């Protein structure tokens, strides 16, 4: 599970800093690494599967169960710049709503045809 979380976090958070730095950049989720998220083995990751997985990822990353992700909790998967980009409340941590907003925005951006699915192979 930790490997899948780290992979998924890298998928979306790898683009957060670039998007923050270059507003013209469009984040893209790497379809080839989505297989662990395809729980129904349909060949695509649905919006629901992605949202469920990322909710679980948030809980796994939230080591002290305070419903916020600090720099220490995110240090293995994101940079300080990426936390700043996600931290819309500017309180120095990322709450679950901020986290889910970012990951679901990245999902929607990557869903180029708008069908609510990310195919495992584009």
PDB file of N, CA and C in Angstrom:
ATOM      1  N   UNK A   1       0.823  -1.192   0.000  1.00  0.00           N
ATOM      2  CA  UNK A   1       0.000   0.000   0.000  1.00  0.00           C
ATOM      3  C   UNK A   1       0.870   1.260   0.000  1.00  0.00           C
ATOM      4  N   UNK A   2       1.944   1.264   0.795  1.00  0.00           N
ATOM      5  CA  UNK A   2       2.808   2.445   0.837  1.00  0.00           C
ATOM      6  C   UNK A   2       3.412   2.747  -0.529  1.00  0.00           C
ATOM      7  N   UNK A   3       3.809   1.705  -1.275  1.00  0.00           N
ATOM      8  CA  UNK A   3       4.383   1.919  -2.597  1.00  0.00           C
ATOM      9  C   UNK A   3       3.336   2.529  -3.529  1.00  0.00           C
ATOM     10  N   UNK A   4       2.107   2.037  -3.454  1.00  0.00           N
ATOM     11  CA  UNK A   4       1.042   2.570  -4.294  1.00  0.00           C
ATOM     12  C   UNK A   4       0.741   4.015  -3.932  1.00  0.00           C
ATOM     13  N   UNK A   5       0.758   4.330  -2.647  1.00  0.00           N
ATOM     14  CA  UNK A   5       0.524   5.709  -2.225  1.00  0.00           C
ATOM     15  C   UNK A   5       1.635   6.608  -2.742  1.00  0.00           C
ATOM     16  N   UNK A   6       2.863   6.180  -2.558  1.00  0.00           N
ATOM     17  CA  UNK A   6       3.997   6.983  -3.029  1.00  0.00           C
ATOM     18  C   UNK A   6       3.914   7.198  -4.532  1.00  0.00           C
ATOM     19  N   UNK A   7       3.561   6.156  -5.278  1.00  0.00           N
ATOM     20  CA  UNK A   7       3.427   6.278  -6.731  1.00  0.00           C
ATOM     21  C   UNK A   7       2.338   7.277  -7.089  1.00  0.00           C
ATOM     22  N   UNK A   8       1.183   7.120  -6.462  1.00  0.00           N
ATOM     23  CA  UNK A   8       0.070   8.017  -6.764  1.00  0.00           C
ATOM     24  C   UNK A   8       0.385   9.453  -6.382  1.00  0.00           C
ATOM     25  N   UNK A   9       1.036   9.632  -5.245  1.00  0.00           N
ATOM     26  CA  UNK A   9       1.402  10.978  -4.816  1.00  0.00           C
ATOM     27  C   UNK A   9       2.363  11.607  -5.822  1.00  0.00           C
ATOM     28  N   UNK A  10       3.300  10.829  -6.281  1.00  0.00           N
ATOM     29  CA  UNK A  10       4.247  11.349  -7.281  1.00  0.00           C
ATOM     30  C   UNK A  10       3.537  11.688  -8.576  1.00  0.00           C
ATOM     31  N   UNK A  11       2.505  10.934  -8.917  1.00  0.00           N
ATOM     32  CA  UNK A  11       1.767  11.178 -10.150  1.00  0.00           C
ATOM     33  C   UNK A  11       1.168  12.568 -10.179  1.00  0.00           C
ATOM     34  N   UNK A  12       0.500  12.941  -9.086  1.00  0.00           N
ATOM     35  CA  UNK A  12      -0.140  14.239  -9.125  1.00  0.00           C
ATOM     36  C   UNK A  12       0.711  15.337  -8.534  1.00  0.00           C
ATOM     37  N   UNK A  13       1.467  15.065  -7.505  1.00  0.00           N
ATOM     38  CA  UNK A  13       2.235  16.125  -6.868  1.00  0.00           C
ATOM     39  C   UNK A  13       3.454  16.528  -7.674  1.00  0.00           C
ATOM     40  N   UNK A  14       3.912  15.663  -8.531  1.00  0.00           N
ATOM     41  CA  UNK A  14       5.034  16.017  -9.384  1.00  0.00           C
ATOM     42  C   UNK A  14       4.701  17.176 -10.299  1.00  0.00           C
ATOM     43  N   UNK A  15       3.434  17.348 -10.567  1.00  0.00           N
ATOM     44  CA  UNK A  15       3.022  18.431 -11.450  1.00  0.00           C
ATOM     45  C   UNK A  15       2.593  19.686 -10.708  1.00  0.00           C
ATOM     46  N   UNK A  16       2.331  19.597  -9.417  1.00  0.00           N
ATOM     47  CA  UNK A  16       1.832  20.755  -8.674  1.00  0.00           C
ATOM     48  C   UNK A  16       2.821  21.911  -8.718  1.00  0.00           C
ATOM     49  N   UNK A  17       4.085  21.635  -8.437  1.00  0.00           N
ATOM     50  CA  UNK A  17       5.093  22.695  -8.451  1.00  0.00           C
ATOM     51  C   UNK A  17       5.234  23.332  -9.810  1.00  0.00           C
ATOM     52  N   UNK A  18       5.221  22.528 -10.844  1.00  0.00           N
ATOM     53  CA  UNK A  18       5.347  23.057 -12.200  1.00  0.00           C
ATOM     54  C   UNK A  18       4.151  23.921 -12.562  1.00  0.00           C
ATOM     55  N   UNK A  19       2.974  23.506 -12.159  1.00  0.00           N
ATOM     56  CA  UNK A  19       1.782  24.289 -12.450  1.00  0.00           C
ATOM     57  C   UNK A  19       1.838  25.598 -11.684  1.00  0.00           C
ATOM     58  N   UNK A  20       2.277  25.526 -10.444  1.00  0.00           N
ATOM     59  CA  UNK A  20       2.381  26.738  -9.629  1.00  0.00           C
ATOM     60  C   UNK A  20       3.398  27.702 -10.241  1.00  0.00           C
ATOM     61  N   UNK A  21       4.505  27.178 -10.711  1.00  0.00           N
ATOM     62  CA  UNK A  21       5.566  28.017 -11.277  1.00  0.00           C
ATOM     63  C   UNK A  21       5.234  28.511 -12.675  1.00  0.00           C
ATOM     64  N   UNK A  22       4.575  27.670 -13.455  1.00  0.00           N
ATOM     65  CA  UNK A  22       4.239  28.028 -14.832  1.00  0.00           C
ATOM     66  C   UNK A  22       2.753  27.787 -15.032  1.00  0.00           C
ATOM     67  N   UNK A  23       1.960  28.795 -14.915  1.00  0.00           N
ATOM     68  CA  UNK A  23       0.516  28.642 -14.993  1.00  0.00           C
ATOM     69  C   UNK A  23       0.062  28.054 -16.326  1.00  0.00           C
ATOM     70  N   UNK A  24       0.886  28.119 -17.361  1.00  0.00           N
ATOM     71  CA  UNK A  24       0.494  27.556 -18.647  1.00  0.00           C
ATOM     72  C   UNK A  24       0.680  26.038 -18.693  1.00  0.00           C
ATOM     73  N   UNK A  25       1.397  25.479 -17.725  1.00  0.00           N
ATOM     74  CA  UNK A  25       1.595  24.027 -17.688  1.00  0.00           C
ATOM     75  C   UNK A  25       0.311  23.342 -17.263  1.00  0.00           C
ATOM     76  N   UNK A  26       0.030  22.214 -17.848  1.00  0.00           N
ATOM     77  CA  UNK A  26      -1.153  21.443 -17.506  1.00  0.00           C
ATOM     78  C   UNK A  26      -0.697  20.146 -16.850  1.00  0.00           C
ATOM     79  N   UNK A  27      -1.146  19.892 -15.602  1.00  0.00           N
ATOM     80  CA  UNK A  27      -0.737  18.655 -14.957  1.00  0.00           C
ATOM     81  C   UNK A  27      -1.328  17.452 -15.665  1.00  0.00           C
ATOM     82  N   UNK A  28      -0.575  16.417 -15.742  1.00  0.00           N
ATOM     83  CA  UNK A  28      -1.035  15.171 -16.358  1.00  0.00           C
ATOM     84  C   UNK A  28      -0.672  14.009 -15.456  1.00  0.00           C
ATOM     85  N   UNK A  29      -1.615  13.142 -15.256  1.00  0.00           N
ATOM     86  CA  UNK A  29      -1.382  11.929 -14.504  1.00  0.00           C
ATOM     87  C   UNK A  29      -0.839  10.903 -15.482  1.00  0.00           C
ATOM     88  N   UNK A  30       0.209  10.208 -15.093  1.00  0.00           N
ATOM     89  CA  UNK A  30       0.829   9.202 -15.959  1.00  0.00           C
ATOM     90  C   UNK A  30      -0.007   7.924 -15.934  1.00  0.00           C
ATOM     91  N   UNK A  31      -0.696   7.678 -17.025  1.00  0.00           N
ATOM     92  CA  UNK A  31      -1.634   6.565 -17.112  1.00  0.00           C
ATOM     93  C   UNK A  31      -0.984   5.207 -16.855  1.00  0.00           C
ATOM     94  N   UNK A  32       0.249   5.039 -17.244  1.00  0.00           N
ATOM     95  CA  UNK A  32       0.909   3.740 -17.109  1.00  0.00           C
ATOM     96  C   UNK A  32       1.113   3.318 -15.663  1.00  0.00           C
ATOM     97  N   UNK A  33       1.017   4.239 -14.715  1.00  0.00           N
ATOM     98  CA  UNK A  33       1.229   3.908 -13.309  1.00  0.00           C
ATOM     99  C   UNK A  33      -0.066   3.845 -12.510  1.00  0.00           C
ATOM    100  N   UNK A  34      -1.190   3.818 -13.170  1.00  0.00           N
ATOM    101  CA  UNK A  34      -2.483   3.825 -12.493  1.00  0.00           C
ATOM    102  C   UNK A  34      -3.032   2.444 -12.155  1.00  0.00           C
ATOM    103  N   UNK A  35      -2.413   1.397 -12.632  1.00  0.00           N
ATOM    104  CA  UNK A  35      -2.973   0.056 -12.469  1.00  0.00           C
ATOM    105  C   UNK A  35      -3.393  -0.285 -11.038  1.00  0.00           C
ATOM    106  N   UNK A  36      -2.603   0.040 -10.005  1.00  0.00           N
ATOM    107  CA  UNK A  36      -3.037  -0.299  -8.649  1.00  0.00           C
ATOM    108  C   UNK A  36      -4.340   0.386  -8.224  1.00  0.00           C
ATOM    109  N   UNK A  37      -4.704   1.457  -8.879  1.00  0.00           N
ATOM    110  CA  UNK A  37      -5.922   2.179  -8.525  1.00  0.00           C
ATOM    111  C   UNK A  37      -7.159   1.616  -9.219  1.00  0.00           C
ATOM    112  N   UNK A  38      -6.978   0.801 -10.237  1.00  0.00           N
ATOM    113  CA  UNK A  38      -8.078   0.206 -11.010  1.00  0.00           C
ATOM    114  C   UNK A  38      -8.624  -1.002 -10.260  1.00  0.00           C
ATOM    115  N   UNK A  39      -9.387  -0.752  -9.216  1.00  0.00           N
ATOM    116  CA  UNK A  39      -9.849  -1.840  -8.342  1.00  0.00           C
ATOM    117  C   UNK A  39     -10.877  -2.761  -8.997  1.00  0.00           C
ATOM    118  N   UNK A  40     -11.617  -2.270  -9.967  1.00  0.00           N
ATOM    119  CA  UNK A  40     -12.590  -3.139 -10.629  1.00  0.00           C
ATOM    120  C   UNK A  40     -12.025  -3.799 -11.891  1.00  0.00           C
ATOM    121  N   UNK A  41     -10.752  -3.563 -12.159  1.00  0.00           N
ATOM    122  CA  UNK A  41     -10.031  -4.181 -13.290  1.00  0.00           C
ATOM    123  C   UNK A  41     -10.727  -3.939 -14.623  1.00  0.00           C
ATOM    124  N   UNK A  42     -11.236  -2.718 -14.792  1.00  0.00           N
ATOM    125  CA  UNK A  42     -11.934  -2.351 -16.025  1.00  0.00           C
ATOM    126  C   UNK A  42     -10.995  -1.847 -17.112  1.00  0.00           C
ATOM    127  N   UNK A  43      -9.726  -1.638 -16.765  1.00  0.00           N
ATOM    128  CA  UNK A  43      -8.784  -1.087 -17.722  1.00  0.00           C
ATOM    129  C   UNK A  43      -8.697   0.427 -17.655  1.00  0.00           C
ATOM    130  N   UNK A  44      -9.426   1.000 -16.701  1.00  0.00           N
ATOM    131  CA  UNK A  44      -9.405   2.457 -16.500  1.00  0.00           C
ATOM    132  C   UNK A  44      -9.656   2.745 -15.029  1.00  0.00           C
ATOM    133  N   UNK A  45      -9.206   3.897 -14.591  1.00  0.00           N
ATOM    134  CA  UNK A  45      -9.459   4.344 -13.223  1.00  0.00           C
ATOM    135  C   UNK A  45     -10.576   5.374 -13.283  1.00  0.00           C
ATOM    136  N   UNK A  46     -11.680   5.056 -12.612  1.00  0.00           N
ATOM    137  CA  UNK A  46     -12.806   5.988 -12.586  1.00  0.00           C
ATOM    138  C   UNK A  46     -12.537   7.108 -11.596  1.00  0.00           C
ATOM    139  N   UNK A  47     -13.307   8.151 -11.718  1.00  0.00           N
ATOM    140  CA  UNK A  47     -13.191   9.276 -10.787  1.00  0.00           C
ATOM    141  C   UNK A  47     -13.420   8.782  -9.350  1.00  0.00           C
ATOM    142  N   UNK A  48     -14.374   7.897  -9.174  1.00  0.00           N
ATOM    143  CA  UNK A  48     -14.664   7.345  -7.851  1.00  0.00           C
ATOM    144  C   UNK A  48     -13.511   6.525  -7.295  1.00  0.00           C
ATOM    145  N   UNK A  49     -12.898   5.679  -8.146  1.00  0.00           N
ATOM    146  CA  UNK A  49     -11.747   4.891  -7.707  1.00  0.00           C
ATOM    147  C   UNK A  49     -10.595   5.800  -7.295  1.00  0.00           C
ATOM    148  N   UNK A  50     -10.373   6.842  -8.079  1.00  0.00           N
ATOM    149  CA  UNK A  50      -9.287   7.777  -7.801  1.00  0.00           C
ATOM    150  C   UNK A  50      -9.543   8.529  -6.497  1.00  0.00           C
ATOM    151  N   UNK A  51     -10.776   8.990  -6.336  1.00  0.00           N
ATOM    152  CA  UNK A  51     -11.139   9.734  -5.129  1.00  0.00           C
ATOM    153  C   UNK A  51     -11.018   8.848  -3.890  1.00  0.00           C
ATOM    154  N   UNK A  52     -11.487   7.616  -3.974  1.00  0.00           N
ATOM    155  CA  UNK A  52     -11.377   6.687  -2.849  1.00  0.00           C
ATOM    156  C   UNK A  52      -9.923   6.433  -2.489  1.00  0.00           C
ATOM    157  N   UNK A  53      -9.109   6.162  -3.507  1.00  0.00           N
ATOM    158  CA  UNK A  53      -7.700   5.893  -3.255  1.00  0.00           C
ATOM    159  C   UNK A  53      -7.013   7.092  -2.624  1.00  0.00           C
ATOM    160  N   UNK A  54      -7.275   8.284  -3.149  1.00  0.00           N
ATOM    161  CA  UNK A  54      -6.610   9.457  -2.626  1.00  0.00           C
ATOM    162  C   UNK A  54      -7.099   9.796  -1.217  1.00  0.00           C
ATOM    163  N   UNK A  55      -8.332   9.490  -0.904  1.00  0.00           N
ATOM    164  CA  UNK A  55      -8.804   9.648   0.478  1.00  0.00           C
ATOM    165  C   UNK A  55      -8.035   8.723   1.412  1.00  0.00           C
ATOM    166  N   UNK A  56      -7.805   7.482   0.965  1.00  0.00           N
ATOM    167  CA  UNK A  56      -7.011   6.536   1.749  1.00  0.00           C
ATOM    168  C   UNK A  56      -5.553   6.992   1.843  1.00  0.00           C
ATOM    169  N   UNK A  57      -5.037   7.553   0.762  1.00  0.00           N
ATOM    170  CA  UNK A  57      -3.662   8.050   0.771  1.00  0.00           C
ATOM    171  C   UNK A  57      -3.516   9.176   1.782  1.00  0.00           C
ATOM    172  N   UNK A  58      -4.495  10.067   1.829  1.00  0.00           N
ATOM    173  CA  UNK A  58      -4.451  11.153   2.807  1.00  0.00           C
ATOM    174  C   UNK A  58      -4.399  10.574   4.223  1.00  0.00           C
ATOM    175  N   UNK A  59      -5.265   9.616   4.508  1.00  0.00           N
ATOM    176  CA  UNK A  59      -5.300   9.009   5.847  1.00  0.00           C
ATOM    177  C   UNK A  59      -3.976   8.337   6.182  1.00  0.00           C
ATOM    178  N   UNK A  60      -3.359   7.662   5.218  1.00  0.00           N
ATOM    179  CA  UNK A  60      -2.071   7.009   5.449  1.00  0.00           C
ATOM    180  C   UNK A  60      -0.967   8.036   5.710  1.00  0.00           C
ATOM    181  N   UNK A  61      -1.001   9.128   4.990  1.00  0.00           N
ATOM    182  CA  UNK A  61       0.020  10.156   5.161  1.00  0.00           C
ATOM    183  C   UNK A  61      -0.155  10.940   6.456  1.00  0.00           C
ATOM    184  N   UNK A  62      -1.374  11.033   6.951  1.00  0.00           N
ATOM    185  CA  UNK A  62      -1.689  11.793   8.160  1.00  0.00           C
ATOM    186  C   UNK A  62      -1.300  10.984   9.402  1.00  0.00           C
ATOM    187  N   UNK A  63      -0.002  10.927   9.661  1.00  0.00           N
ATOM    188  CA  UNK A  63       0.548  10.062  10.712  1.00  0.00           C
ATOM    189  C   UNK A  63      -0.011  10.355  12.102  1.00  0.00           C
ATOM    190  N   UNK A  64      -0.296  11.610  12.397  1.00  0.00           N
ATOM    191  CA  UNK A  64      -0.806  11.954  13.729  1.00  0.00           C
ATOM    192  C   UNK A  64      -2.329  12.094  13.763  1.00  0.00           C
ATOM    193  N   UNK A  65      -2.990  11.760  12.674  1.00  0.00           N
ATOM    194  CA  UNK A  65      -4.456  11.747  12.575  1.00  0.00           C
ATOM    195  C   UNK A  65      -5.120  13.065  12.955  1.00  0.00           C
ATOM    196  N   UNK A  66      -4.473  14.183  12.608  1.00  0.00           N
ATOM    197  CA  UNK A  66      -5.059  15.483  12.933  1.00  0.00           C
ATOM    198  C   UNK A  66      -5.819  16.103  11.762  1.00  0.00           C
ATOM    199  N   UNK A  67      -6.000  15.330  10.698  1.00  0.00           N
ATOM    200  CA  UNK A  67      -6.737  15.770   9.497  1.00  0.00           C
ATOM    201  C   UNK A  67      -6.015  16.886   8.746  1.00  0.00           C
ATOM    202  N   UNK A  68      -4.698  16.973   8.935  1.00  0.00           N
ATOM    203  CA  UNK A  68      -3.861  17.959   8.255  1.00  0.00           C
ATOM    204  C   UNK A  68      -2.555  17.271   7.900  1.00  0.00           C
ATOM    205  N   UNK A  69      -1.975  17.659   6.784  1.00  0.00           N
ATOM    206  CA  UNK A  69      -0.681  17.120   6.393  1.00  0.00           C
ATOM    207  C   UNK A  69       0.370  18.211   6.546  1.00  0.00           C
ATOM    208  N   UNK A  70       1.324  17.955   7.426  1.00  0.00           N
ATOM    209  CA  UNK A  70       2.412  18.897   7.666  1.00  0.00           C
ATOM    210  C   UNK A  70       3.560  18.608   6.702  1.00  0.00           C
ATOM    211  N   UNK A  71       4.540  19.493   6.720  1.00  0.00           N
ATOM    212  CA  UNK A  71       5.743  19.268   5.909  1.00  0.00           C
ATOM    213  C   UNK A  71       6.382  17.933   6.293  1.00  0.00           C
ATOM    214  N   UNK A  72       6.456  17.621   7.582  1.00  0.00           N
ATOM    215  CA  UNK A  72       7.056  16.359   8.020  1.00  0.00           C
ATOM    216  C   UNK A  72       6.310  15.158   7.458  1.00  0.00           C
ATOM    217  N   UNK A  73       4.998  15.218   7.437  1.00  0.00           N
ATOM    218  CA  UNK A  73       4.203  14.097   6.932  1.00  0.00           C
ATOM    219  C   UNK A  73       4.304  13.966   5.415  1.00  0.00           C
ATOM    220  N   UNK A  74       4.558  15.049   4.736  1.00  0.00           N
ATOM    221  CA  UNK A  74       4.635  15.024   3.279  1.00  0.00           C
ATOM    222  C   UNK A  74       6.059  15.002   2.735  1.00  0.00           C
ATOM    223  N   UNK A  75       7.044  15.099   3.609  1.00  0.00           N
ATOM    224  CA  UNK A  75       8.431  15.302   3.163  1.00  0.00           C
ATOM    225  C   UNK A  75       8.959  14.217   2.227  1.00  0.00           C
ATOM    226  N   UNK A  76       8.427  13.021   2.306  1.00  0.00           N
ATOM    227  CA  UNK A  76       8.930  11.958   1.425  1.00  0.00           C
ATOM    228  C   UNK A  76       8.311  11.998   0.029  1.00  0.00           C
ATOM    229  N   UNK A  77       7.246  12.794  -0.137  1.00  0.00           N
ATOM    230  CA  UNK A  77       6.571  12.801  -1.435  1.00  0.00           C
ATOM    231  C   UNK A  77       6.403  14.166  -2.083  1.00  0.00           C
ATOM    232  N   UNK A  78       6.604  15.243  -1.341  1.00  0.00           N
ATOM    233  CA  UNK A  78       6.445  16.575  -1.940  1.00  0.00           C
ATOM    234  C   UNK A  78       7.496  17.548  -1.430  1.00  0.00           C
ATOM    235  N   UNK A  79       7.669  18.609  -2.178  1.00  0.00           N
ATOM    236  CA  UNK A  79       8.594  19.671  -1.784  1.00  0.00           C
ATOM    237  C   UNK A  79       7.816  20.759  -1.037  1.00  0.00           C
ATOM    238  N   UNK A  80       8.542  21.651  -0.425  1.00  0.00           N
ATOM    239  CA  UNK A  80       7.916  22.787   0.257  1.00  0.00           C
ATOM    240  C   UNK A  80       7.117  23.630  -0.738  1.00  0.00           C
ATOM    241  N   UNK A  81       7.644  23.792  -1.935  1.00  0.00           N
ATOM    242  CA  UNK A  81       6.936  24.558  -2.974  1.00  0.00           C
ATOM    243  C   UNK A  81       5.582  23.914  -3.300  1.00  0.00           C
ATOM    244  N   UNK A  82       5.545  22.600  -3.330  1.00  0.00           N
ATOM    245  CA  UNK A  82       4.296  21.911  -3.634  1.00  0.00           C
ATOM    246  C   UNK A  82       3.284  22.072  -2.503  1.00  0.00           C
ATOM    247  N   UNK A  83       3.755  22.054  -1.261  1.00  0.00           N
ATOM    248  CA  UNK A  83       2.842  22.285  -0.142  1.00  0.00           C
ATOM    249  C   UNK A  83       2.253  23.687  -0.238  1.00  0.00           C
ATOM    250  N   UNK A  84       3.082  24.661  -0.534  1.00  0.00           N
ATOM    251  CA  UNK A  84       2.610  26.037  -0.675  1.00  0.00           C
ATOM    252  C   UNK A  84       1.536  26.121  -1.759  1.00  0.00           C
ATOM    253  N   UNK A  85       1.738  25.413  -2.856  1.00  0.00           N
ATOM    254  CA  UNK A  85       0.764  25.426  -3.947  1.00  0.00           C
ATOM    255  C   UNK A  85      -0.577  24.819  -3.532  1.00  0.00           C
ATOM    256  N   UNK A  86      -0.537  23.783  -2.715  1.00  0.00           N
ATOM    257  CA  UNK A  86      -1.777  23.137  -2.263  1.00  0.00           C
ATOM    258  C   UNK A  86      -2.421  23.867  -1.098  1.00  0.00           C
ATOM    259  N   UNK A  87      -1.634  24.545  -0.289  1.00  0.00           N
ATOM    260  CA  UNK A  87      -2.099  25.175   0.949  1.00  0.00           C
ATOM    261  C   UNK A  87      -2.805  26.489   0.640  1.00  0.00           C
ATOM    262  N   UNK A  88      -4.028  26.393   0.175  1.00  0.00           N
ATOM    263  CA  UNK A  88      -4.764  27.593  -0.225  1.00  0.00           C
ATOM    264  C   UNK A  88      -5.161  28.461   0.963  1.00  0.00           C
ATOM    265  N   UNK A  89      -5.229  27.894   2.158  1.00  0.00           N
ATOM    266  CA  UNK A  89      -5.559  28.688   3.345  1.00  0.00           C
ATOM    267  C   UNK A  89      -4.334  29.401   3.905  1.00  0.00           C
ATOM    268  N   UNK A  90      -3.159  29.043   3.394  1.00  0.00           N
ATOM    269  CA  UNK A  90      -1.886  29.648   3.796  1.00  0.00           C
ATOM    270  C   UNK A  90      -1.613  29.519   5.298  1.00  0.00           C
ATOM    271  N   UNK A  91      -1.968  28.344   5.855  1.00  0.00           N
ATOM    272  CA  UNK A  91      -1.715  28.118   7.276  1.00  0.00           C
ATOM    273  C   UNK A  91      -0.529  27.191   7.528  1.00  0.00           C
ATOM    274  N   UNK A  92       0.205  26.834   6.493  1.00  0.00           N
ATOM    275  CA  UNK A  92       1.410  26.031   6.648  1.00  0.00           C
ATOM    276  C   UNK A  92       1.202  24.536   6.613  1.00  0.00           C
ATOM    277  N   UNK A  93      -0.034  24.094   6.421  1.00  0.00           N
ATOM    278  CA  UNK A  93      -0.309  22.663   6.286  1.00  0.00           C
ATOM    279  C   UNK A  93      -1.427  22.481   5.270  1.00  0.00           C
ATOM    280  N   UNK A  94      -1.636  21.239   4.878  1.00  0.00           N
ATOM    281  CA  UNK A  94      -2.641  20.922   3.863  1.00  0.00           C
ATOM    282  C   UNK A  94      -3.732  20.097   4.522  1.00  0.00           C
ATOM    283  N   UNK A  95      -4.943  20.647   4.555  1.00  0.00           N
ATOM    284  CA  UNK A  95      -6.040  19.878   5.133  1.00  0.00           C
ATOM    285  C   UNK A  95      -6.639  18.953   4.069  1.00  0.00           C
ATOM    286  N   UNK A  96      -7.549  18.097   4.497  1.00  0.00           N
ATOM    287  CA  UNK A  96      -8.090  17.101   3.580  1.00  0.00           C
ATOM    288  C   UNK A  96      -8.824  17.745   2.407  1.00  0.00           C
ATOM    289  N   UNK A  97      -9.541  18.820   2.647  1.00  0.00           N
ATOM    290  CA  UNK A  97     -10.258  19.486   1.551  1.00  0.00           C
ATOM    291  C   UNK A  97      -9.277  20.052   0.522  1.00  0.00           C
ATOM    292  N   UNK A  98      -8.200  20.680   0.983  1.00  0.00           N
ATOM    293  CA  UNK A  98      -7.190  21.223   0.063  1.00  0.00           C
ATOM    294  C   UNK A  98      -6.539  20.098  -0.732  1.00  0.00           C
ATOM    295  N   UNK A  99      -6.209  19.018  -0.040  1.00  0.00           N
ATOM    296  CA  UNK A  99      -5.588  17.859  -0.677  1.00  0.00           C
ATOM    297  C   UNK A  99      -6.511  17.273  -1.744  1.00  0.00           C
ATOM    298  N   UNK A 100      -7.757  17.008  -1.362  1.00  0.00           N
ATOM    299  CA  UNK A 100      -8.701  16.394  -2.305  1.00  0.00           C
ATOM    300  C   UNK A 100      -9.013  17.336  -3.463  1.00  0.00           C
ATOM    301  N   UNK A 101      -9.097  18.625  -3.194  1.00  0.00           N
ATOM    302  CA  UNK A 101      -9.319  19.581  -4.277  1.00  0.00           C
ATOM    303  C   UNK A 101      -8.200  19.489  -5.311  1.00  0.00           C
ATOM    304  N   UNK A 102      -6.951  19.427  -4.827  1.00  0.00           N
ATOM    305  CA  UNK A 102      -5.819  19.353  -5.754  1.00  0.00           C
ATOM    306  C   UNK A 102      -5.823  18.056  -6.552  1.00  0.00           C
ATOM    307  N   UNK A 103      -5.990  16.925  -5.870  1.00  0.00           N
ATOM    308  CA  UNK A 103      -5.910  15.653  -6.595  1.00  0.00           C
ATOM    309  C   UNK A 103      -7.068  15.482  -7.561  1.00  0.00           C
ATOM    310  N   UNK A 104      -8.250  15.971  -7.203  1.00  0.00           N
ATOM    311  CA  UNK A 104      -9.383  15.828  -8.111  1.00  0.00           C
ATOM    312  C   UNK A 104      -9.290  16.830  -9.269  1.00  0.00           C
ATOM    313  N   UNK A 105      -8.685  17.979  -9.030  1.00  0.00           N
ATOM    314  CA  UNK A 105      -8.409  18.909 -10.132  1.00  0.00           C
ATOM    315  C   UNK A 105      -7.442  18.266 -11.112  1.00  0.00           C
ATOM    316  N   UNK A 106      -6.415  17.613 -10.573  1.00  0.00           N
ATOM    317  CA  UNK A 106      -5.448  16.925 -11.436  1.00  0.00           C
ATOM    318  C   UNK A 106      -6.122  15.798 -12.215  1.00  0.00           C
ATOM    319  N   UNK A 107      -7.036  15.071 -11.566  1.00  0.00           N
ATOM    320  CA  UNK A 107      -7.776  14.017 -12.261  1.00  0.00           C
ATOM    321  C   UNK A 107      -8.549  14.629 -13.429  1.00  0.00           C
ATOM    322  N   UNK A 108      -9.310  15.673 -13.158  1.00  0.00           N
ATOM    323  CA  UNK A 108     -10.128  16.296 -14.205  1.00  0.00           C
ATOM    324  C   UNK A 108      -9.279  16.830 -15.348  1.00  0.00           C
ATOM    325  N   UNK A 109      -8.139  17.405 -15.025  1.00  0.00           N
ATOM    326  CA  UNK A 109      -7.238  17.917 -16.058  1.00  0.00           C
ATOM    327  C   UNK A 109      -6.703  16.778 -16.921  1.00  0.00           C
ATOM    328  N   UNK A 110      -6.421  15.647 -16.284  1.00  0.00           N
ATOM    329  CA  UNK A 110      -5.886  14.496 -17.013  1.00  0.00           C
ATOM    330  C   UNK A 110      -6.960  13.758 -17.799  1.00  0.00           C
ATOM    331  N   UNK A 111      -8.215  13.935 -17.432  1.00  0.00           N
ATOM    332  CA  UNK A 111      -9.333  13.295 -18.124  1.00  0.00           C
ATOM    333  C   UNK A 111      -9.683  14.123 -19.357  1.00  0.00           C
ATOM    334  N   UNK A 112      -8.838  14.024 -20.367  1.00  0.00           N
ATOM    335  CA  UNK A 112      -8.927  14.914 -21.527  1.00  0.00           C
ATOM    336  C   UNK A 112     -10.234  14.795 -22.306  1.00  0.00           C
ATOM    337  N   UNK A 113     -10.876  13.629 -22.282  1.00  0.00           N
ATOM    338  CA  UNK A 113     -12.138  13.515 -23.019  1.00  0.00           C
ATOM    339  C   UNK A 113     -13.362  13.710 -22.124  1.00  0.00           C
ATOM    340  N   UNK A 114     -13.142  13.947 -20.828  1.00  0.00           N
ATOM    341  CA  UNK A 114     -14.234  14.269 -19.922  1.00  0.00           C
ATOM    342  C   UNK A 114     -15.179  13.126 -19.609  1.00  0.00           C
ATOM    343  N   UNK A 115     -14.729  11.880 -19.797  1.00  0.00           N
ATOM    344  CA  UNK A 115     -15.624  10.751 -19.556  1.00  0.00           C
ATOM    345  C   UNK A 115     -15.569  10.208 -18.126  1.00  0.00           C
ATOM    346  N   UNK A 116     -14.773  10.844 -17.254  1.00  0.00           N
ATOM    347  CA  UNK A 116     -14.688  10.388 -15.864  1.00  0.00           C
ATOM    348  C   UNK A 116     -13.826   9.153 -15.685  1.00  0.00           C
ATOM    349  N   UNK A 117     -12.997   8.853 -16.670  1.00  0.00           N
ATOM    350  CA  UNK A 117     -12.133   7.661 -16.645  1.00  0.00           C
ATOM    351  C   UNK A 117     -10.728   8.040 -17.083  1.00  0.00           C
ATOM    352  N   UNK A 118      -9.734   7.439 -16.445  1.00  0.00           N
ATOM    353  CA  UNK A 118      -8.359   7.549 -16.916  1.00  0.00           C
ATOM    354  C   UNK A 118      -7.937   6.151 -17.360  1.00  0.00           C
ATOM    355  N   UNK A 119      -7.822   5.941 -18.665  1.00  0.00           N
ATOM    356  CA  UNK A 119      -7.430   4.617 -19.151  1.00  0.00           C
ATOM    357  C   UNK A 119      -6.017   4.270 -18.699  1.00  0.00           C
ATOM    358  N   UNK A 120      -5.786   2.990 -18.446  1.00  0.00           N
ATOM    359  CA  UNK A 120      -4.449   2.562 -18.042  1.00  0.00           C
ATOM    360  C   UNK A 120      -3.456   2.753 -19.170  1.00  0.00           C
ATOM    361  N   UNK A 121      -3.932   2.662 -20.401  1.00  0.00           N
ATOM    362  CA  UNK A 121      -3.091   2.901 -21.571  1.00  0.00           C
ATOM    363  C   UNK A 121      -3.773   3.969 -22.416  1.00  0.00           C
ATOM    364  N   UNK A 122      -3.103   5.128 -22.575  1.00  0.00           N
ATOM    365  CA  UNK A 122      -3.728   6.221 -23.342  1.00  0.00           C
ATOM    366  C   UNK A 122      -3.918   5.881 -24.803  1.00  0.00           C
TER     367      UNK A 122
END
